[in-house]
Amino acid sequence: MLSFATGHVPHTAKAGTEVGTLTAGEGGAVKVPVTLQKDLTEPGLVDTSCSASADPRFAAARR
């Protein structure tokens, strides 16, 4: 069995912040903390890292 339990995910956090736990197995299950790989920042009004404007598949729509 494999499960993920989310913890508190803040709006901003530094890389390495624990945001959940991954559990593998039953009975003597192994629990592994899930941490942020990169700093988490609040999106701005125009955050191209998470919008269609950054996706090359939508480039034709912007022209």
Protein backbone atom coordinates (compact mmCIF):
# COMPACT_ATOMS: atom_id res chain seq x y z
CA MET A 1 0.00 0.00 0.00
CA LEU A 2 1.21 3.50 -0.84
CA SER A 3 -0.41 6.63 0.57
CA PHE A 4 0.28 10.34 0.85
CA ALA A 5 -0.87 12.51 3.74
CA THR A 6 -0.64 16.21 3.13
CA GLY A 7 0.40 18.56 5.88
CA HIS A 8 0.05 22.32 6.01
CA VAL A 9 1.24 23.85 2.74
CA PRO A 10 1.98 27.53 3.30
CA HIS A 11 1.71 30.26 0.65
CA THR A 12 5.48 30.71 0.77
CA ALA A 13 8.19 28.39 2.07
CA LYS A 14 11.87 27.64 1.65
CA ALA A 15 13.21 24.55 -0.13
CA GLY A 16 13.34 21.65 2.32
CA THR A 17 10.09 22.57 4.11
CA GLU A 18 8.09 19.43 4.95
CA VAL A 19 4.63 19.47 3.34
CA GLY A 20 3.48 15.89 3.82
CA THR A 21 4.33 12.25 4.43
CA LEU A 22 4.56 9.33 2.00
CA THR A 23 3.80 5.94 3.58
CA ALA A 24 4.72 2.60 1.97
CA GLY A 25 3.66 -0.77 3.31
CA GLU A 26 1.37 -1.98 6.06
CA GLY A 27 2.03 -2.88 9.68
CA GLY A 28 5.73 -2.00 9.75
CA ALA A 29 5.13 0.74 7.17
CA VAL A 30 7.94 3.06 6.13
CA LYS A 31 7.12 6.76 6.39
CA VAL A 32 9.12 9.30 4.42
CA PRO A 33 8.75 13.08 4.72
CA VAL A 34 7.83 14.97 1.55
CA THR A 35 9.68 18.27 1.25
CA LEU A 36 9.76 21.13 -1.24
CA GLN A 37 12.50 20.79 -3.84
CA LYS A 38 12.54 24.54 -4.58
CA ASP A 39 11.42 27.66 -2.72
CA LEU A 40 7.65 28.16 -2.91
CA THR A 41 6.63 31.74 -3.65
CA GLU A 42 3.23 33.33 -3.93
CA PRO A 43 2.25 33.88 -7.54
CA GLY A 44 2.23 37.48 -8.72
CA LEU A 45 -0.41 39.05 -10.90
CA VAL A 46 1.45 37.73 -13.96
CA ASP A 47 3.24 34.52 -13.00
CA THR A 48 4.40 32.95 -16.26
CA SER A 49 5.74 29.87 -14.48
CA CYS A 50 2.25 28.49 -13.94
CA SER A 51 0.12 29.95 -16.73
CA ALA A 52 -0.71 29.11 -20.31
CA SER A 53 1.34 32.12 -21.41
CA ALA A 54 4.53 30.17 -20.59
CA ASP A 55 3.42 27.08 -22.48
CA PRO A 56 4.75 26.95 -26.06
CA ARG A 57 1.66 25.00 -27.16
CA PHE A 58 -0.35 28.20 -26.67
CA ALA A 59 2.07 30.49 -28.52
CA ALA A 60 -0.13 30.60 -31.64
CA ALA A 61 -3.07 31.83 -29.58
CA ARG A 62 -1.02 34.82 -28.37
CA ARG A 63 -0.10 36.00 -31.89
